[in-house]
Amino acid sequence: MLENIVQTDKLLPLGLMQIMQLKELYSLGKDNLSRNAIETPGLEAYILLSESEVIDNLSEVYAHPEKEIDQETINKFQNLLERRVKKEPIAYIIGEKEFYSKTYKVNPSVLIPRPETELLVDETLELAKQIGSPLILEIGTGSGCIAVTLASYCNQAKIVASDISQRALNVAKENVNKHSQNDKITLTKADMLSSFKNDSFDIVVSNPPYITETEFDLLDPEVKDFEPKIALTGGKDGLCYIKEIISDSRRILKDGGWCVLEIGYNQRKEVENIFTDCEFIDISSTKDLNGIERVIKAKWKK
């Protein structure tokens, strides 16, 4: 039986097999993923089968379990399975991730979009629609998912999306093109806010690096070993980029403009104090679905 020869942290040498049935290949993949502590082994086995071009849709495993899979396809599936067992994120393996009901290209040059960041978009959209035709600056655009979503749901917005990484900007460009937002989004290489003009923007938005050095060492290997550290860590206290964004936003925001940030699970009070010290007003935070104060915003009033 297949399940009797699959070992934890090891994979059956599929190269020794000339032909397998689809149900056997699926079972083998699911068992390997489960034994290596992958939380959703069944679903991910389906995804890897699809990525290997074994199946076109998930129902095929049930509809055609006896389908014979050739050696070349088995090897392709095996290679993807090995990557996942080593804890490479499934989003990097398949090269895409869904965010706000759209699919974005991702690779190890950019963070994988996360559901909690949709709250950052929600809060920014609410402000943008109140302004009418806002000019928005996103700091650290990464994959471009925030900028594209804002452009897609606020028709009158114009967005400047910046990043210090050219590789990240290349990914963002592909996503901007994919979702046909070239006329509303300008991508630019920039280190934080220093290159932008005074009194230029209605909104500054960012999901900045905010993890502390200590927290980084404790992260799951899927994050720590594969996602870009530069986009995750915010110095010893996790606040170095947040402090810079808030401080410099005063110069580039128009009177009455907003700064909107995603923050760490225990940073709300400290970030609120930074906003207060920088003389922002109307400071408020919003909790995510887990009850964590995840997004904080404040108004700049000269």
C-alpha atoms as a PDB file:
ATOM      1  CA  MET A   1       0.000   0.000   0.000  1.00  0.00           C
ATOM      2  CA  LEU A   2       1.227   3.487  -0.842  1.00  0.00           C
ATOM      3  CA  GLU A   3       0.505   4.872   2.611  1.00  0.00           C
ATOM      4  CA  ASN A   4       2.810   2.290   4.171  1.00  0.00           C
ATOM      5  CA  ILE A   5       5.914   3.456   2.315  1.00  0.00           C
ATOM      6  CA  VAL A   6       5.540   7.210   2.760  1.00  0.00           C
ATOM      7  CA  GLN A   7       7.830   8.480   5.518  1.00  0.00           C
ATOM      8  CA  THR A   8       7.751  11.742   7.430  1.00  0.00           C
ATOM      9  CA  ASP A   9       9.964  14.366   5.743  1.00  0.00           C
ATOM     10  CA  LYS A  10      10.605  11.954   2.866  1.00  0.00           C
ATOM     11  CA  LEU A  11       8.930  11.357  -0.471  1.00  0.00           C
ATOM     12  CA  LEU A  12       8.304   8.145  -2.322  1.00  0.00           C
ATOM     13  CA  PRO A  13      10.765   8.017  -5.263  1.00  0.00           C
ATOM     14  CA  LEU A  14       8.144   8.420  -7.943  1.00  0.00           C
ATOM     15  CA  GLY A  15      10.778   8.179 -10.643  1.00  0.00           C
ATOM     16  CA  LEU A  16      10.741   4.387 -10.111  1.00  0.00           C
ATOM     17  CA  MET A  17       7.127   4.211 -11.222  1.00  0.00           C
ATOM     18  CA  GLN A  18       6.189   4.271 -14.904  1.00  0.00           C
ATOM     19  CA  ILE A  19       2.440   4.763 -14.491  1.00  0.00           C
ATOM     20  CA  MET A  20       0.145   5.732 -11.598  1.00  0.00           C
ATOM     21  CA  GLN A  21      -3.559   6.207 -11.335  1.00  0.00           C
ATOM     22  CA  LEU A  22      -4.832   9.672 -10.461  1.00  0.00           C
ATOM     23  CA  LYS A  23      -6.332   8.512  -7.158  1.00  0.00           C
ATOM     24  CA  GLU A  24      -2.971   7.011  -6.154  1.00  0.00           C
ATOM     25  CA  LEU A  25      -1.039  10.135  -7.023  1.00  0.00           C
ATOM     26  CA  TYR A  26      -3.472  12.322  -5.116  1.00  0.00           C
ATOM     27  CA  SER A  27      -3.329  10.010  -2.102  1.00  0.00           C
ATOM     28  CA  LEU A  28       0.450  10.015  -2.168  1.00  0.00           C
ATOM     29  CA  GLY A  29       0.603  13.794  -2.304  1.00  0.00           C
ATOM     30  CA  LYS A  30      -1.958  14.275   0.453  1.00  0.00           C
ATOM     31  CA  ASP A  31      -0.184  11.778   2.747  1.00  0.00           C
ATOM     32  CA  ASN A  32       3.202  13.425   2.258  1.00  0.00           C
ATOM     33  CA  LEU A  33       1.811  16.875   2.967  1.00  0.00           C
ATOM     34  CA  SER A  34      -0.063  15.667   6.028  1.00  0.00           C
ATOM     35  CA  ARG A  35       2.984  13.897   7.472  1.00  0.00           C
ATOM     36  CA  ASN A  36       5.013  17.072   7.020  1.00  0.00           C
ATOM     37  CA  ALA A  37       2.570  19.234   9.000  1.00  0.00           C
ATOM     38  CA  ILE A  38       0.882  21.046   6.095  1.00  0.00           C
ATOM     39  CA  GLU A  39      -2.438  22.274   7.518  1.00  0.00           C
ATOM     40  CA  THR A  40      -4.601  21.675   4.435  1.00  0.00           C
ATOM     41  CA  PRO A  41      -3.004  18.640   2.764  1.00  0.00           C
ATOM     42  CA  GLY A  42      -6.028  17.611   0.713  1.00  0.00           C
ATOM     43  CA  LEU A  43      -6.586  21.030  -0.797  1.00  0.00           C
ATOM     44  CA  GLU A  44      -2.909  21.593  -1.498  1.00  0.00           C
ATOM     45  CA  ALA A  45      -2.543  18.176  -3.112  1.00  0.00           C
ATOM     46  CA  TYR A  46      -5.320  19.218  -5.504  1.00  0.00           C
ATOM     47  CA  ILE A  47      -3.574  22.538  -6.189  1.00  0.00           C
ATOM     48  CA  LEU A  48      -0.252  20.833  -6.946  1.00  0.00           C
ATOM     49  CA  LEU A  49      -1.962  18.332  -9.230  1.00  0.00           C
ATOM     50  CA  SER A  50      -3.522  21.218 -11.112  1.00  0.00           C
ATOM     51  CA  GLU A  51      -0.208  23.068 -11.312  1.00  0.00           C
ATOM     52  CA  SER A  52       1.386  19.876 -12.670  1.00  0.00           C
ATOM     53  CA  GLU A  53      -1.303  19.800 -15.384  1.00  0.00           C
ATOM     54  CA  VAL A  54      -2.544  16.453 -14.086  1.00  0.00           C
ATOM     55  CA  ILE A  55      -6.081  17.808 -13.699  1.00  0.00           C
ATOM     56  CA  ASP A  56      -8.028  20.803 -15.010  1.00  0.00           C
ATOM     57  CA  ASN A  57     -10.391  21.009 -12.042  1.00  0.00           C
ATOM     58  CA  LEU A  58     -10.714  19.494  -8.591  1.00  0.00           C
ATOM     59  CA  SER A  59     -13.656  17.239  -9.438  1.00  0.00           C
ATOM     60  CA  GLU A  60     -11.520  15.093 -11.739  1.00  0.00           C
ATOM     61  CA  VAL A  61     -10.019  13.159  -8.835  1.00  0.00           C
ATOM     62  CA  TYR A  62     -13.518  11.902  -8.004  1.00  0.00           C
ATOM     63  CA  ALA A  63     -14.846  11.747 -11.554  1.00  0.00           C
ATOM     64  CA  HIS A  64     -11.843   9.945 -13.091  1.00  0.00           C
ATOM     65  CA  PRO A  65      -9.897   8.267 -10.264  1.00  0.00           C
ATOM     66  CA  GLU A  66      -8.577   5.527 -12.569  1.00  0.00           C
ATOM     67  CA  LYS A  67      -7.018   8.027 -15.013  1.00  0.00           C
ATOM     68  CA  GLU A  68      -3.429   6.952 -15.762  1.00  0.00           C
ATOM     69  CA  ILE A  69      -0.662   9.499 -15.241  1.00  0.00           C
ATOM     70  CA  ASP A  70       2.544   9.202 -17.253  1.00  0.00           C
ATOM     71  CA  GLN A  71       6.105   9.336 -15.925  1.00  0.00           C
ATOM     72  CA  GLU A  72       6.867  12.895 -17.058  1.00  0.00           C
ATOM     73  CA  THR A  73       3.790  14.274 -15.316  1.00  0.00           C
ATOM     74  CA  ILE A  74       4.499  12.239 -12.179  1.00  0.00           C
ATOM     75  CA  ASN A  75       7.986  13.748 -12.041  1.00  0.00           C
ATOM     76  CA  LYS A  76       6.568  17.252 -12.405  1.00  0.00           C
ATOM     77  CA  PHE A  77       4.190  16.657  -9.512  1.00  0.00           C
ATOM     78  CA  GLN A  78       7.011  15.166  -7.455  1.00  0.00           C
ATOM     79  CA  ASN A  79       9.153  18.281  -7.910  1.00  0.00           C
ATOM     80  CA  LEU A  80       6.359  20.563  -6.736  1.00  0.00           C
ATOM     81  CA  LEU A  81       5.607  18.273  -3.811  1.00  0.00           C
ATOM     82  CA  GLU A  82       9.242  18.371  -2.705  1.00  0.00           C
ATOM     83  CA  ARG A  83       9.181  22.173  -2.694  1.00  0.00           C
ATOM     84  CA  ARG A  84       6.043  22.275  -0.553  1.00  0.00           C
ATOM     85  CA  VAL A  85       7.343  19.698   1.926  1.00  0.00           C
ATOM     86  CA  LYS A  86      10.347  21.991   2.417  1.00  0.00           C
ATOM     87  CA  LYS A  87       7.787  24.631   3.473  1.00  0.00           C
ATOM     88  CA  GLU A  88       8.013  26.853   0.413  1.00  0.00           C
ATOM     89  CA  PRO A  89       4.690  28.764   0.407  1.00  0.00           C
ATOM     90  CA  ILE A  90       2.106  27.384  -1.973  1.00  0.00           C
ATOM     91  CA  ALA A  91       1.627  30.904  -3.405  1.00  0.00           C
ATOM     92  CA  TYR A  92       5.253  31.016  -4.557  1.00  0.00           C
ATOM     93  CA  ILE A  93       5.048  27.508  -6.001  1.00  0.00           C
ATOM     94  CA  ILE A  94       2.020  28.313  -8.157  1.00  0.00           C
ATOM     95  CA  GLY A  95       3.105  31.950  -8.633  1.00  0.00           C
ATOM     96  CA  GLU A  96      -0.104  33.672  -7.608  1.00  0.00           C
ATOM     97  CA  LYS A  97      -2.306  34.697  -4.687  1.00  0.00           C
ATOM     98  CA  GLU A  98      -5.848  36.018  -4.394  1.00  0.00           C
ATOM     99  CA  PHE A  99      -6.438  39.371  -2.729  1.00  0.00           C
ATOM    100  CA  TYR A 100      -9.721  41.279  -2.607  1.00  0.00           C
ATOM    101  CA  SER A 101     -11.260  38.874  -5.156  1.00  0.00           C
ATOM    102  CA  LYS A 102      -8.496  39.388  -7.724  1.00  0.00           C
ATOM    103  CA  THR A 103      -5.511  37.170  -8.471  1.00  0.00           C
ATOM    104  CA  TYR A 104      -1.979  38.605  -8.327  1.00  0.00           C
ATOM    105  CA  LYS A 105       1.352  37.307  -9.490  1.00  0.00           C
ATOM    106  CA  VAL A 106       3.781  36.767  -6.619  1.00  0.00           C
ATOM    107  CA  ASN A 107       7.343  35.517  -6.270  1.00  0.00           C
ATOM    108  CA  PRO A 108       9.980  35.660  -3.496  1.00  0.00           C
ATOM    109  CA  SER A 109      10.706  39.312  -4.358  1.00  0.00           C
ATOM    110  CA  VAL A 110       7.399  40.359  -2.758  1.00  0.00           C
ATOM    111  CA  LEU A 111       5.337  39.567   0.293  1.00  0.00           C
ATOM    112  CA  ILE A 112       2.408  37.234  -0.197  1.00  0.00           C
ATOM    113  CA  PRO A 113      -0.816  39.271   0.181  1.00  0.00           C
ATOM    114  CA  ARG A 114      -2.689  38.485   3.384  1.00  0.00           C
ATOM    115  CA  PRO A 115      -6.400  38.683   4.224  1.00  0.00           C
ATOM    116  CA  GLU A 116      -5.877  41.149   7.086  1.00  0.00           C
ATOM    117  CA  THR A 117      -4.416  43.694   4.651  1.00  0.00           C
ATOM    118  CA  GLU A 118      -7.824  43.887   2.979  1.00  0.00           C
ATOM    119  CA  LEU A 119      -8.851  45.917   6.036  1.00  0.00           C
ATOM    120  CA  LEU A 120      -6.171  48.476   5.158  1.00  0.00           C
ATOM    121  CA  VAL A 121      -7.746  48.748   1.710  1.00  0.00           C
ATOM    122  CA  ASP A 122     -11.250  49.079   3.178  1.00  0.00           C
ATOM    123  CA  GLU A 123     -10.231  51.979   5.411  1.00  0.00           C
ATOM    124  CA  THR A 124      -8.351  53.736   2.609  1.00  0.00           C
ATOM    125  CA  LEU A 125     -11.226  53.319   0.157  1.00  0.00           C
ATOM    126  CA  GLU A 126     -13.627  54.884   2.623  1.00  0.00           C
ATOM    127  CA  LEU A 127     -11.414  57.962   2.892  1.00  0.00           C
ATOM    128  CA  ALA A 128     -10.733  58.082  -0.850  1.00  0.00           C
ATOM    129  CA  LYS A 129     -14.424  58.098  -1.723  1.00  0.00           C
ATOM    130  CA  GLN A 130     -15.042  60.949   0.714  1.00  0.00           C
ATOM    131  CA  ILE A 131     -12.315  63.017  -0.971  1.00  0.00           C
ATOM    132  CA  GLY A 132     -13.651  62.335  -4.457  1.00  0.00           C
ATOM    133  CA  SER A 133     -10.608  62.475  -6.718  1.00  0.00           C
ATOM    134  CA  PRO A 134      -7.709  61.714  -4.386  1.00  0.00           C
ATOM    135  CA  LEU A 135      -4.036  61.486  -5.155  1.00  0.00           C
ATOM    136  CA  ILE A 136      -2.755  58.541  -3.132  1.00  0.00           C
ATOM    137  CA  LEU A 137       0.809  57.512  -2.328  1.00  0.00           C
ATOM    138  CA  GLU A 138       1.469  53.904  -1.388  1.00  0.00           C
ATOM    139  CA  ILE A 139       4.808  53.252   0.302  1.00  0.00           C
ATOM    140  CA  GLY A 140       6.253  49.753  -0.255  1.00  0.00           C
ATOM    141  CA  THR A 141       3.862  48.497  -2.909  1.00  0.00           C
ATOM    142  CA  GLY A 142       5.385  45.012  -3.284  1.00  0.00           C
ATOM    143  CA  SER A 143       3.099  43.021  -5.568  1.00  0.00           C
ATOM    144  CA  GLY A 144       0.986  46.118  -6.188  1.00  0.00           C
ATOM    145  CA  CYS A 145      -2.160  44.462  -4.811  1.00  0.00           C
ATOM    146  CA  ILE A 146      -3.105  47.432  -2.615  1.00  0.00           C
ATOM    147  CA  ALA A 147      -2.625  50.007  -5.373  1.00  0.00           C
ATOM    148  CA  VAL A 148      -4.513  47.928  -7.940  1.00  0.00           C
ATOM    149  CA  THR A 149      -7.411  47.348  -5.557  1.00  0.00           C
ATOM    150  CA  LEU A 150      -7.667  51.036  -4.692  1.00  0.00           C
ATOM    151  CA  ALA A 151      -7.602  51.946  -8.371  1.00  0.00           C
ATOM    152  CA  SER A 152     -10.211  49.306  -9.191  1.00  0.00           C
ATOM    153  CA  TYR A 153     -12.722  50.415  -6.559  1.00  0.00           C
ATOM    154  CA  CYS A 154     -12.187  54.182  -6.590  1.00  0.00           C
ATOM    155  CA  ASN A 155     -12.608  55.298 -10.181  1.00  0.00           C
ATOM    156  CA  GLN A 156     -11.446  58.878  -9.618  1.00  0.00           C
ATOM    157  CA  ALA A 157      -8.275  58.022  -7.703  1.00  0.00           C
ATOM    158  CA  LYS A 158      -4.753  58.471  -9.024  1.00  0.00           C
ATOM    159  CA  ILE A 159      -2.091  56.431  -7.279  1.00  0.00           C
ATOM    160  CA  VAL A 160       1.680  56.636  -7.009  1.00  0.00           C
ATOM    161  CA  ALA A 161       2.988  53.249  -5.856  1.00  0.00           C
ATOM    162  CA  SER A 162       6.605  53.183  -4.708  1.00  0.00           C
ATOM    163  CA  ASP A 163       9.090  50.569  -3.623  1.00  0.00           C
ATOM    164  CA  ILE A 164      12.836  50.491  -2.985  1.00  0.00           C
ATOM    165  CA  SER A 165      13.113  47.114  -4.728  1.00  0.00           C
ATOM    166  CA  GLN A 166      13.234  47.075  -8.523  1.00  0.00           C
ATOM    167  CA  ARG A 167      12.374  43.382  -8.494  1.00  0.00           C
ATOM    168  CA  ALA A 168       9.241  44.131  -6.513  1.00  0.00           C
ATOM    169  CA  LEU A 169       8.328  46.922  -8.926  1.00  0.00           C
ATOM    170  CA  ASN A 170       8.702  44.486 -11.827  1.00  0.00           C
ATOM    171  CA  VAL A 171       6.120  42.219 -10.186  1.00  0.00           C
ATOM    172  CA  ALA A 172       3.858  45.182  -9.453  1.00  0.00           C
ATOM    173  CA  LYS A 173       4.079  46.265 -13.099  1.00  0.00           C
ATOM    174  CA  GLU A 174       2.881  42.861 -14.257  1.00  0.00           C
ATOM    175  CA  ASN A 175      -0.081  43.052 -11.890  1.00  0.00           C
ATOM    176  CA  VAL A 176      -0.947  46.611 -12.891  1.00  0.00           C
ATOM    177  CA  ASN A 177      -0.914  45.506 -16.526  1.00  0.00           C
ATOM    178  CA  LYS A 178      -2.885  42.353 -15.780  1.00  0.00           C
ATOM    179  CA  HIS A 179      -5.686  44.317 -14.163  1.00  0.00           C
ATOM    180  CA  SER A 180      -5.599  47.179 -16.697  1.00  0.00           C
ATOM    181  CA  GLN A 181      -4.831  49.992 -14.250  1.00  0.00           C
ATOM    182  CA  ASN A 182      -1.917  51.597 -16.121  1.00  0.00           C
ATOM    183  CA  ASP A 183      -3.772  54.856 -16.590  1.00  0.00           C
ATOM    184  CA  LYS A 184      -4.393  55.274 -12.855  1.00  0.00           C
ATOM    185  CA  ILE A 185      -1.219  53.908 -11.248  1.00  0.00           C
ATOM    186  CA  THR A 186       2.315  55.282 -11.549  1.00  0.00           C
ATOM    187  CA  LEU A 187       5.055  52.987 -10.294  1.00  0.00           C
ATOM    188  CA  THR A 188       8.257  54.570  -9.033  1.00  0.00           C
ATOM    189  CA  LYS A 189      11.437  53.419  -7.340  1.00  0.00           C
ATOM    190  CA  ALA A 190      11.886  55.388  -4.129  1.00  0.00           C
ATOM    191  CA  ASP A 191      13.264  54.974  -0.630  1.00  0.00           C
ATOM    192  CA  MET A 192      10.377  55.935   1.639  1.00  0.00           C
ATOM    193  CA  LEU A 193       9.037  59.523   1.200  1.00  0.00           C
ATOM    194  CA  SER A 194      12.070  61.724   0.639  1.00  0.00           C
ATOM    195  CA  SER A 195      11.705  62.107  -3.123  1.00  0.00           C
ATOM    196  CA  PHE A 196       8.092  63.345  -3.108  1.00  0.00           C
ATOM    197  CA  LYS A 197       7.041  66.990  -3.216  1.00  0.00           C
ATOM    198  CA  ASN A 198       5.525  68.995  -0.390  1.00  0.00           C
ATOM    199  CA  ASP A 199       1.735  69.198  -0.062  1.00  0.00           C
ATOM    200  CA  SER A 200       1.199  66.693  -2.880  1.00  0.00           C
ATOM    201  CA  PHE A 201      -0.985  63.854  -1.640  1.00  0.00           C
ATOM    202  CA  ASP A 202      -4.427  63.399  -0.136  1.00  0.00           C
ATOM    203  CA  ILE A 203      -3.604  60.008   1.355  1.00  0.00           C
ATOM    204  CA  VAL A 204      -0.442  58.142   2.302  1.00  0.00           C
ATOM    205  CA  VAL A 205      -1.054  54.431   2.767  1.00  0.00           C
ATOM    206  CA  SER A 206       1.346  51.657   3.679  1.00  0.00           C
ATOM    207  CA  ASN A 207       1.663  48.136   4.972  1.00  0.00           C
ATOM    208  CA  PRO A 208       5.195  48.763   6.242  1.00  0.00           C
ATOM    209  CA  PRO A 209       7.660  46.282   7.752  1.00  0.00           C
ATOM    210  CA  TYR A 210       6.603  46.170  11.410  1.00  0.00           C
ATOM    211  CA  ILE A 211       7.840  42.873  12.844  1.00  0.00           C
ATOM    212  CA  THR A 212      10.477  43.154  15.569  1.00  0.00           C
ATOM    213  CA  GLU A 213      13.832  41.396  15.280  1.00  0.00           C
ATOM    214  CA  THR A 214      12.836  39.026  18.082  1.00  0.00           C
ATOM    215  CA  GLU A 215       9.496  38.218  16.458  1.00  0.00           C
ATOM    216  CA  PHE A 216      11.201  37.517  13.126  1.00  0.00           C
ATOM    217  CA  ASP A 217      13.304  34.764  14.673  1.00  0.00           C
ATOM    218  CA  LEU A 218      10.112  33.070  15.880  1.00  0.00           C
ATOM    219  CA  LEU A 219       8.223  33.204  12.587  1.00  0.00           C
ATOM    220  CA  ASP A 220       7.026  30.096  10.811  1.00  0.00           C
ATOM    221  CA  PRO A 221       9.652  28.794   8.331  1.00  0.00           C
ATOM    222  CA  GLU A 222       7.212  29.452   5.480  1.00  0.00           C
ATOM    223  CA  VAL A 223       7.579  33.162   6.209  1.00  0.00           C
ATOM    224  CA  LYS A 224      11.051  33.465   7.710  1.00  0.00           C
ATOM    225  CA  ASP A 225      12.861  31.310   5.152  1.00  0.00           C
ATOM    226  CA  PHE A 226      11.091  32.409   1.976  1.00  0.00           C
ATOM    227  CA  GLU A 227       9.494  35.871   2.137  1.00  0.00           C
ATOM    228  CA  PRO A 228      11.703  38.990   1.788  1.00  0.00           C
ATOM    229  CA  LYS A 229      13.031  40.012   5.200  1.00  0.00           C
ATOM    230  CA  ILE A 230      13.325  43.649   4.107  1.00  0.00           C
ATOM    231  CA  ALA A 231       9.545  43.762   3.728  1.00  0.00           C
ATOM    232  CA  LEU A 232       8.914  42.202   7.144  1.00  0.00           C
ATOM    233  CA  THR A 233      11.193  43.634   9.815  1.00  0.00           C
ATOM    234  CA  GLY A 234      10.966  47.126  11.233  1.00  0.00           C
ATOM    235  CA  GLY A 235      14.061  47.204  13.419  1.00  0.00           C
ATOM    236  CA  LYS A 236      14.504  46.278  17.058  1.00  0.00           C
ATOM    237  CA  ASP A 237      11.069  47.573  18.100  1.00  0.00           C
ATOM    238  CA  GLY A 238       9.323  47.098  14.754  1.00  0.00           C
ATOM    239  CA  LEU A 239       8.555  50.807  14.519  1.00  0.00           C
ATOM    240  CA  CYS A 240      11.429  52.385  12.605  1.00  0.00           C
ATOM    241  CA  TYR A 241       9.624  52.587   9.245  1.00  0.00           C
ATOM    242  CA  ILE A 242       6.330  53.536  10.841  1.00  0.00           C
ATOM    243  CA  LYS A 243       8.005  56.463  12.612  1.00  0.00           C
ATOM    244  CA  GLU A 244       9.594  57.664   9.369  1.00  0.00           C
ATOM    245  CA  ILE A 245       6.389  57.385   7.362  1.00  0.00           C
ATOM    246  CA  ILE A 246       4.355  59.310   9.935  1.00  0.00           C
ATOM    247  CA  SER A 247       6.970  62.015  10.392  1.00  0.00           C
ATOM    248  CA  ASP A 248       7.575  62.575   6.676  1.00  0.00           C
ATOM    249  CA  SER A 249       3.881  62.371   5.799  1.00  0.00           C
ATOM    250  CA  ARG A 250       3.459  65.783   7.414  1.00  0.00           C
ATOM    251  CA  ARG A 251       5.510  67.337   4.641  1.00  0.00           C
ATOM    252  CA  ILE A 252       3.937  65.652   1.619  1.00  0.00           C
ATOM    253  CA  LEU A 253       0.292  65.531   2.730  1.00  0.00           C
ATOM    254  CA  LYS A 254      -2.116  68.268   1.805  1.00  0.00           C
ATOM    255  CA  ASP A 255      -3.920  70.038   4.625  1.00  0.00           C
ATOM    256  CA  GLY A 256      -6.593  67.599   5.819  1.00  0.00           C
ATOM    257  CA  GLY A 257      -4.844  64.609   4.222  1.00  0.00           C
ATOM    258  CA  TRP A 258      -4.688  61.165   5.813  1.00  0.00           C
ATOM    259  CA  CYS A 259      -2.007  58.681   6.773  1.00  0.00           C
ATOM    260  CA  VAL A 260      -3.266  55.071   6.922  1.00  0.00           C
ATOM    261  CA  LEU A 261      -1.080  52.218   8.183  1.00  0.00           C
ATOM    262  CA  GLU A 262      -1.248  48.523   8.895  1.00  0.00           C
ATOM    263  CA  ILE A 263       0.378  47.756  12.242  1.00  0.00           C
ATOM    264  CA  GLY A 264       1.390  44.823  14.439  1.00  0.00           C
ATOM    265  CA  TYR A 265      -0.875  43.132  16.956  1.00  0.00           C
ATOM    266  CA  ASN A 266       0.489  45.085  19.966  1.00  0.00           C
ATOM    267  CA  GLN A 267       1.535  48.382  18.396  1.00  0.00           C
ATOM    268  CA  ARG A 268      -1.624  50.479  18.455  1.00  0.00           C
ATOM    269  CA  LYS A 269      -0.795  52.559  21.535  1.00  0.00           C
ATOM    270  CA  GLU A 270       2.786  53.255  20.466  1.00  0.00           C
ATOM    271  CA  VAL A 271       1.756  54.247  16.937  1.00  0.00           C
ATOM    272  CA  GLU A 272      -1.027  56.430  18.317  1.00  0.00           C
ATOM    273  CA  ASN A 273       1.586  58.225  20.419  1.00  0.00           C
ATOM    274  CA  ILE A 274       3.790  58.751  17.363  1.00  0.00           C
ATOM    275  CA  PHE A 275       0.868  60.319  15.500  1.00  0.00           C
ATOM    276  CA  THR A 276       0.110  62.530  18.503  1.00  0.00           C
ATOM    277  CA  ASP A 277       3.729  63.642  18.855  1.00  0.00           C
ATOM    278  CA  CYS A 278       3.731  64.561  15.160  1.00  0.00           C
ATOM    279  CA  GLU A 279       0.560  66.651  15.697  1.00  0.00           C
ATOM    280  CA  PHE A 280      -1.867  64.527  13.688  1.00  0.00           C
ATOM    281  CA  ILE A 281      -5.527  64.631  14.720  1.00  0.00           C
ATOM    282  CA  ASP A 282      -8.595  62.373  14.484  1.00  0.00           C
ATOM    283  CA  ILE A 283      -6.547  59.260  15.270  1.00  0.00           C
ATOM    284  CA  SER A 284      -8.485  55.996  15.195  1.00  0.00           C
ATOM    285  CA  SER A 285      -7.831  52.287  14.800  1.00  0.00           C
ATOM    286  CA  THR A 286      -9.840  49.392  13.360  1.00  0.00           C
ATOM    287  CA  LYS A 287      -9.858  45.781  14.485  1.00  0.00           C
ATOM    288  CA  ASP A 288      -9.510  42.847  12.130  1.00  0.00           C
ATOM    289  CA  LEU A 289     -11.644  39.695  12.296  1.00  0.00           C
ATOM    290  CA  ASN A 290      -9.426  38.336  15.072  1.00  0.00           C
ATOM    291  CA  GLY A 291     -10.056  41.390  17.243  1.00  0.00           C
ATOM    292  CA  ILE A 292      -6.563  42.799  16.664  1.00  0.00           C
ATOM    293  CA  GLU A 293      -6.238  46.552  16.106  1.00  0.00           C
ATOM    294  CA  ARG A 294      -4.717  46.123  12.679  1.00  0.00           C
ATOM    295  CA  VAL A 295      -5.162  49.473  10.910  1.00  0.00           C
ATOM    296  CA  ILE A 296      -4.620  52.960  12.263  1.00  0.00           C
ATOM    297  CA  LYS A 297      -5.295  56.265  10.508  1.00  0.00           C
ATOM    298  CA  ALA A 298      -4.873  59.934  11.348  1.00  0.00           C
ATOM    299  CA  LYS A 299      -5.491  63.324   9.719  1.00  0.00           C
ATOM    300  CA  TRP A 300      -2.836  65.936   9.052  1.00  0.00           C
ATOM    301  CA  LYS A 301      -4.096  69.418   9.856  1.00  0.00           C
ATOM    302  CA  LYS A 302      -1.659  72.304   9.544  1.00  0.00           C
END
